[in-house]
Amino acid sequence: MVGKAFSLVILDYMQVDEQHRQKLLTELKRVVEYLQGRTDSMIFILNRVDQRGSDDKPLDVRLQQLKTEIQEQLNLPSLPDIIPFNARLLYYAQCAWGTNPLHTNSNVTPEVRSNSTLKTA
């Protein structure tokens, strides 16, 4: 079952400094070794890209750096895809729909949900 499973690897933009990247890549290498070198079912996500500061490297430069490091560490034949993800999307969804579990109704009324102030929050 493990060999057929996929791996979702989520990197936090706020923790992609050298120390955190190396720790994650070392752990990831152990996982790949356990999976006997299979990396075709891995999906990489760089979360919280909206937290990038004005003094940070441009996002495309940061993504390229991570792709190269992952490729080298895991001995991949090509650069992996990394999906940049804006964490605020979840925040906006929670503002619009509430934080109730999916199997329950939203505690946010349709009137409040359609309020224009939520759309600009």
N, C-alpha and C. Protein backbone atom coordinates (compact mmCIF):
# COMPACT_ATOMS: atom_id res chain seq x y z
N MET A 1 0.82 -1.20 0.00
CA MET A 1 0.00 0.00 0.00
C MET A 1 0.86 1.26 0.00
N VAL A 2 1.97 1.25 0.74
CA VAL A 2 2.81 2.44 0.83
C VAL A 2 3.38 2.81 -0.53
N GLY A 3 3.76 1.80 -1.30
CA GLY A 3 4.34 2.06 -2.61
C GLY A 3 3.36 2.71 -3.57
N LYS A 4 2.06 2.52 -3.36
CA LYS A 4 1.05 3.09 -4.23
C LYS A 4 0.56 4.45 -3.73
N ALA A 5 0.91 4.79 -2.53
CA ALA A 5 0.45 6.05 -1.94
C ALA A 5 1.22 7.22 -2.55
N PHE A 6 0.62 8.40 -2.47
CA PHE A 6 1.35 9.58 -2.92
C PHE A 6 1.81 10.37 -1.72
N SER A 7 2.79 11.19 -1.94
CA SER A 7 3.33 12.02 -0.86
C SER A 7 3.06 13.48 -1.18
N LEU A 8 2.46 14.14 -0.24
CA LEU A 8 2.23 15.56 -0.35
C LEU A 8 3.27 16.24 0.53
N VAL A 9 4.19 16.97 -0.09
CA VAL A 9 5.28 17.60 0.63
C VAL A 9 5.00 19.11 0.65
N ILE A 10 4.70 19.62 1.84
CA ILE A 10 4.36 21.02 1.97
C ILE A 10 5.49 21.75 2.69
N LEU A 11 6.02 22.74 2.00
CA LEU A 11 7.08 23.56 2.56
C LEU A 11 6.44 24.88 2.99
N ASP A 12 6.82 25.37 4.13
CA ASP A 12 6.30 26.63 4.63
C ASP A 12 7.26 27.75 4.19
N TYR A 13 6.73 28.73 3.49
CA TYR A 13 7.58 29.81 2.98
C TYR A 13 8.40 30.46 4.09
N MET A 14 7.81 30.55 5.27
CA MET A 14 8.49 31.20 6.38
C MET A 14 9.60 30.32 6.97
N GLN A 15 9.69 29.07 6.51
CA GLN A 15 10.71 28.17 7.03
C GLN A 15 11.53 27.55 5.90
N VAL A 16 11.86 28.35 4.91
CA VAL A 16 12.69 27.82 3.83
C VAL A 16 14.12 28.36 3.90
N ASP A 17 14.50 28.78 5.10
CA ASP A 17 15.89 29.18 5.29
C ASP A 17 16.76 27.93 5.18
N GLU A 18 18.05 28.13 5.12
CA GLU A 18 19.01 27.04 4.88
C GLU A 18 18.83 25.88 5.86
N GLN A 19 18.72 26.17 7.15
CA GLN A 19 18.61 25.12 8.17
C GLN A 19 17.35 24.29 7.98
N HIS A 20 16.21 24.94 7.80
CA HIS A 20 14.95 24.21 7.64
C HIS A 20 14.92 23.42 6.33
N ARG A 21 15.44 24.02 5.24
CA ARG A 21 15.46 23.30 3.96
C ARG A 21 16.29 22.04 4.05
N GLN A 22 17.47 22.15 4.64
CA GLN A 22 18.35 20.98 4.72
C GLN A 22 17.73 19.88 5.58
N LYS A 23 17.09 20.26 6.67
CA LYS A 23 16.43 19.28 7.53
C LYS A 23 15.31 18.56 6.77
N LEU A 24 14.49 19.33 6.05
CA LEU A 24 13.40 18.74 5.29
C LEU A 24 13.92 17.84 4.19
N LEU A 25 14.93 18.30 3.47
CA LEU A 25 15.47 17.50 2.37
C LEU A 25 16.11 16.21 2.87
N THR A 26 16.74 16.26 4.02
CA THR A 26 17.32 15.04 4.61
C THR A 26 16.21 14.05 4.96
N GLU A 27 15.14 14.54 5.57
CA GLU A 27 14.00 13.67 5.90
C GLU A 27 13.35 13.12 4.63
N LEU A 28 13.23 13.97 3.64
CA LEU A 28 12.62 13.57 2.38
C LEU A 28 13.45 12.50 1.68
N LYS A 29 14.76 12.63 1.76
CA LYS A 29 15.63 11.62 1.14
C LYS A 29 15.42 10.26 1.78
N ARG A 30 15.23 10.24 3.10
CA ARG A 30 14.97 8.96 3.79
C ARG A 30 13.64 8.36 3.32
N VAL A 31 12.65 9.21 3.13
CA VAL A 31 11.35 8.72 2.64
C VAL A 31 11.51 8.12 1.25
N VAL A 32 12.23 8.80 0.38
CA VAL A 32 12.43 8.31 -0.99
C VAL A 32 13.20 6.99 -0.97
N GLU A 33 14.19 6.88 -0.11
CA GLU A 33 14.92 5.62 0.00
C GLU A 33 13.99 4.50 0.46
N TYR A 34 13.10 4.80 1.40
CA TYR A 34 12.13 3.81 1.87
C TYR A 34 11.20 3.40 0.74
N LEU A 35 10.86 4.35 -0.13
CA LEU A 35 9.97 4.06 -1.27
C LEU A 35 10.76 3.50 -2.45
N GLN A 36 11.98 3.11 -2.22
CA GLN A 36 12.86 2.51 -3.22
C GLN A 36 13.08 3.43 -4.42
N GLY A 37 13.26 4.71 -4.12
CA GLY A 37 13.60 5.67 -5.15
C GLY A 37 12.43 6.28 -5.90
N ARG A 38 11.23 5.87 -5.57
CA ARG A 38 10.05 6.40 -6.30
C ARG A 38 9.74 7.82 -5.86
N THR A 39 9.75 8.71 -6.80
CA THR A 39 9.39 10.11 -6.52
C THR A 39 8.26 10.58 -7.44
N ASP A 40 7.79 9.70 -8.31
CA ASP A 40 6.80 10.10 -9.31
C ASP A 40 5.44 10.46 -8.70
N SER A 41 5.22 10.06 -7.47
CA SER A 41 3.92 10.36 -6.86
C SER A 41 4.02 11.47 -5.81
N MET A 42 5.10 12.25 -5.86
CA MET A 42 5.27 13.34 -4.90
C MET A 42 4.73 14.64 -5.48
N ILE A 43 4.03 15.37 -4.64
CA ILE A 43 3.52 16.69 -5.00
C ILE A 43 4.12 17.68 -4.00
N PHE A 44 4.77 18.71 -4.52
CA PHE A 44 5.40 19.71 -3.68
C PHE A 44 4.59 21.00 -3.69
N ILE A 45 4.35 21.55 -2.51
CA ILE A 45 3.61 22.80 -2.36
C ILE A 45 4.43 23.74 -1.49
N LEU A 46 4.57 24.97 -1.94
CA LEU A 46 5.21 26.00 -1.13
C LEU A 46 4.09 26.87 -0.57
N ASN A 47 3.78 26.67 0.70
CA ASN A 47 2.66 27.33 1.36
C ASN A 47 3.06 28.71 1.87
N ARG A 48 2.08 29.57 2.00
CA ARG A 48 2.22 30.91 2.59
C ARG A 48 3.13 31.82 1.78
N VAL A 49 3.08 31.71 0.45
CA VAL A 49 3.90 32.59 -0.38
C VAL A 49 3.48 34.05 -0.22
N ASP A 50 2.29 34.28 0.30
CA ASP A 50 1.83 35.65 0.55
C ASP A 50 2.62 36.31 1.68
N GLN A 51 3.39 35.55 2.42
CA GLN A 51 4.20 36.09 3.52
C GLN A 51 5.55 36.62 3.05
N ARG A 52 5.82 36.52 1.76
CA ARG A 52 7.10 36.98 1.21
C ARG A 52 7.25 38.47 1.46
N GLY A 53 8.36 38.85 2.03
CA GLY A 53 8.63 40.26 2.33
C GLY A 53 9.27 40.96 1.15
N SER A 54 9.25 42.26 1.18
CA SER A 54 9.82 43.05 0.08
C SER A 54 11.34 42.86 -0.04
N ASP A 55 11.99 42.44 1.04
CA ASP A 55 13.43 42.22 1.00
C ASP A 55 13.80 40.78 0.66
N ASP A 56 12.80 39.91 0.47
CA ASP A 56 13.05 38.52 0.10
C ASP A 56 13.43 38.42 -1.38
N LYS A 57 13.99 37.28 -1.73
CA LYS A 57 14.26 37.00 -3.14
C LYS A 57 12.92 36.94 -3.87
N PRO A 58 12.92 37.26 -5.17
CA PRO A 58 11.67 37.11 -5.93
C PRO A 58 11.18 35.66 -5.85
N LEU A 59 9.87 35.48 -5.90
CA LEU A 59 9.28 34.15 -5.73
C LEU A 59 9.81 33.16 -6.76
N ASP A 60 9.95 33.58 -8.02
CA ASP A 60 10.44 32.65 -9.04
C ASP A 60 11.87 32.21 -8.76
N VAL A 61 12.68 33.09 -8.17
CA VAL A 61 14.05 32.73 -7.79
C VAL A 61 14.03 31.73 -6.63
N ARG A 62 13.18 31.98 -5.65
CA ARG A 62 13.05 31.07 -4.50
C ARG A 62 12.57 29.69 -4.95
N LEU A 63 11.58 29.67 -5.84
CA LEU A 63 11.06 28.39 -6.35
C LEU A 63 12.14 27.64 -7.12
N GLN A 64 12.89 28.34 -7.97
CA GLN A 64 13.95 27.69 -8.74
C GLN A 64 15.01 27.10 -7.82
N GLN A 65 15.36 27.83 -6.77
CA GLN A 65 16.35 27.34 -5.80
C GLN A 65 15.85 26.06 -5.12
N LEU A 66 14.59 26.06 -4.69
CA LEU A 66 14.04 24.87 -4.04
C LEU A 66 13.98 23.69 -5.01
N LYS A 67 13.57 23.93 -6.24
CA LYS A 67 13.50 22.87 -7.24
C LYS A 67 14.86 22.23 -7.46
N THR A 68 15.86 23.08 -7.59
CA THR A 68 17.23 22.59 -7.81
C THR A 68 17.72 21.76 -6.62
N GLU A 69 17.50 22.26 -5.42
CA GLU A 69 17.93 21.53 -4.23
C GLU A 69 17.21 20.20 -4.09
N ILE A 70 15.91 20.20 -4.34
CA ILE A 70 15.14 18.94 -4.26
C ILE A 70 15.64 17.97 -5.31
N GLN A 71 15.85 18.44 -6.54
CA GLN A 71 16.33 17.57 -7.60
C GLN A 71 17.68 16.95 -7.24
N GLU A 72 18.59 17.77 -6.73
CA GLU A 72 19.92 17.27 -6.38
C GLU A 72 19.86 16.30 -5.20
N GLN A 73 19.12 16.65 -4.17
CA GLN A 73 19.05 15.82 -2.97
C GLN A 73 18.40 14.47 -3.24
N LEU A 74 17.36 14.47 -4.09
CA LEU A 74 16.63 13.22 -4.36
C LEU A 74 17.10 12.53 -5.62
N ASN A 75 18.11 13.08 -6.28
CA ASN A 75 18.63 12.51 -7.53
C ASN A 75 17.53 12.34 -8.58
N LEU A 76 16.74 13.37 -8.76
CA LEU A 76 15.66 13.33 -9.73
C LEU A 76 16.21 13.60 -11.13
N PRO A 77 15.63 12.97 -12.15
CA PRO A 77 16.11 13.21 -13.51
C PRO A 77 15.76 14.62 -14.03
N SER A 78 14.73 15.23 -13.46
CA SER A 78 14.33 16.58 -13.88
C SER A 78 13.86 17.37 -12.66
N LEU A 79 13.72 18.66 -12.86
CA LEU A 79 13.25 19.51 -11.76
C LEU A 79 11.82 19.15 -11.39
N PRO A 80 11.52 19.11 -10.09
CA PRO A 80 10.14 18.83 -9.68
C PRO A 80 9.28 20.09 -9.85
N ASP A 81 8.01 19.89 -9.97
CA ASP A 81 7.08 21.01 -9.95
C ASP A 81 6.82 21.38 -8.49
N ILE A 82 6.76 22.65 -8.22
CA ILE A 82 6.39 23.14 -6.89
C ILE A 82 5.23 24.11 -7.08
N ILE A 83 4.15 23.84 -6.40
CA ILE A 83 2.96 24.67 -6.52
C ILE A 83 3.00 25.74 -5.43
N PRO A 84 3.08 27.02 -5.82
CA PRO A 84 3.01 28.08 -4.80
C PRO A 84 1.57 28.23 -4.32
N PHE A 85 1.38 28.35 -3.02
CA PHE A 85 0.04 28.43 -2.45
C PHE A 85 -0.07 29.62 -1.53
N ASN A 86 -1.13 30.37 -1.69
CA ASN A 86 -1.40 31.55 -0.90
C ASN A 86 -2.29 31.15 0.28
N ALA A 87 -1.77 31.18 1.49
CA ALA A 87 -2.51 30.74 2.67
C ALA A 87 -3.71 31.62 2.96
N ARG A 88 -3.72 32.82 2.44
CA ARG A 88 -4.86 33.71 2.69
C ARG A 88 -6.13 33.20 2.05
N LEU A 89 -6.01 32.37 1.04
CA LEU A 89 -7.21 31.80 0.42
C LEU A 89 -8.04 31.04 1.44
N LEU A 90 -7.38 30.26 2.29
CA LEU A 90 -8.08 29.54 3.34
C LEU A 90 -8.70 30.50 4.33
N TYR A 91 -7.98 31.54 4.67
CA TYR A 91 -8.50 32.55 5.59
C TYR A 91 -9.77 33.19 5.01
N TYR A 92 -9.72 33.56 3.74
CA TYR A 92 -10.90 34.16 3.10
C TYR A 92 -12.06 33.18 3.08
N ALA A 93 -11.78 31.93 2.82
CA ALA A 93 -12.85 30.92 2.81
C ALA A 93 -13.46 30.78 4.20
N GLN A 94 -12.62 30.81 5.23
CA GLN A 94 -13.14 30.72 6.59
C GLN A 94 -13.96 31.95 6.95
N CYS A 95 -13.56 33.11 6.46
CA CYS A 95 -14.35 34.32 6.70
C CYS A 95 -15.72 34.20 6.05
N ALA A 96 -15.75 33.65 4.86
CA ALA A 96 -17.00 33.56 4.11
C ALA A 96 -17.90 32.42 4.60
N TRP A 97 -17.31 31.31 4.99
CA TRP A 97 -18.11 30.12 5.32
C TRP A 97 -18.07 29.73 6.78
N GLY A 98 -17.18 30.29 7.56
CA GLY A 98 -17.06 29.91 8.96
C GLY A 98 -16.11 28.75 9.14
N THR A 99 -15.89 28.38 10.37
CA THR A 99 -14.91 27.32 10.66
C THR A 99 -15.56 26.03 11.11
N ASN A 100 -16.86 25.88 10.86
CA ASN A 100 -17.54 24.65 11.24
C ASN A 100 -17.00 23.46 10.44
N PRO A 101 -17.09 22.27 10.99
CA PRO A 101 -16.69 21.08 10.23
C PRO A 101 -17.51 20.95 8.94
N LEU A 102 -16.95 20.29 7.94
CA LEU A 102 -17.61 20.18 6.65
C LEU A 102 -18.97 19.50 6.70
N HIS A 103 -19.17 18.60 7.66
CA HIS A 103 -20.43 17.86 7.72
C HIS A 103 -21.54 18.65 8.41
N THR A 104 -21.27 19.88 8.82
CA THR A 104 -22.29 20.72 9.46
C THR A 104 -22.54 21.95 8.59
N ASN A 105 -23.63 22.63 8.88
CA ASN A 105 -23.96 23.84 8.14
C ASN A 105 -23.06 24.99 8.59
N SER A 106 -22.86 25.93 7.68
CA SER A 106 -22.07 27.12 8.00
C SER A 106 -22.83 27.97 9.00
N ASN A 107 -22.10 28.58 9.91
CA ASN A 107 -22.73 29.49 10.86
C ASN A 107 -22.73 30.93 10.36
N VAL A 108 -22.25 31.13 9.12
CA VAL A 108 -22.26 32.44 8.50
C VAL A 108 -23.46 32.50 7.56
N THR A 109 -24.32 33.47 7.78
CA THR A 109 -25.53 33.58 6.96
C THR A 109 -25.17 34.04 5.55
N PRO A 110 -26.01 33.69 4.57
CA PRO A 110 -25.75 34.15 3.20
C PRO A 110 -25.66 35.68 3.10
N GLU A 111 -26.43 36.37 3.92
CA GLU A 111 -26.38 37.83 3.89
C GLU A 111 -25.01 38.34 4.31
N VAL A 112 -24.48 37.78 5.38
CA VAL A 112 -23.15 38.19 5.84
C VAL A 112 -22.10 37.77 4.83
N ARG A 113 -22.24 36.58 4.28
CA ARG A 113 -21.27 36.06 3.31
C ARG A 113 -21.17 36.96 2.08
N SER A 114 -22.29 37.52 1.65
CA SER A 114 -22.28 38.35 0.45
C SER A 114 -21.94 39.81 0.76
N ASN A 115 -21.72 40.13 2.02
CA ASN A 115 -21.36 41.48 2.41
C ASN A 115 -20.03 41.86 1.74
N SER A 116 -20.00 43.00 1.12
CA SER A 116 -18.80 43.41 0.37
C SER A 116 -17.59 43.61 1.26
N THR A 117 -17.77 43.84 2.56
CA THR A 117 -16.61 44.05 3.43
C THR A 117 -15.81 42.77 3.60
N LEU A 118 -16.49 41.61 3.53
CA LEU A 118 -15.74 40.35 3.62
C LEU A 118 -14.92 40.13 2.37
N LYS A 119 -15.40 40.56 1.24
CA LYS A 119 -14.69 40.33 -0.01
C LYS A 119 -13.39 41.13 -0.09
N THR A 120 -13.32 42.21 0.66
CA THR A 120 -12.11 43.02 0.62
C THR A 120 -11.21 42.80 1.81
N ALA A 121 -11.64 41.92 2.73
CA ALA A 121 -10.86 41.68 3.95
C ALA A 121 -9.54 41.06 3.63
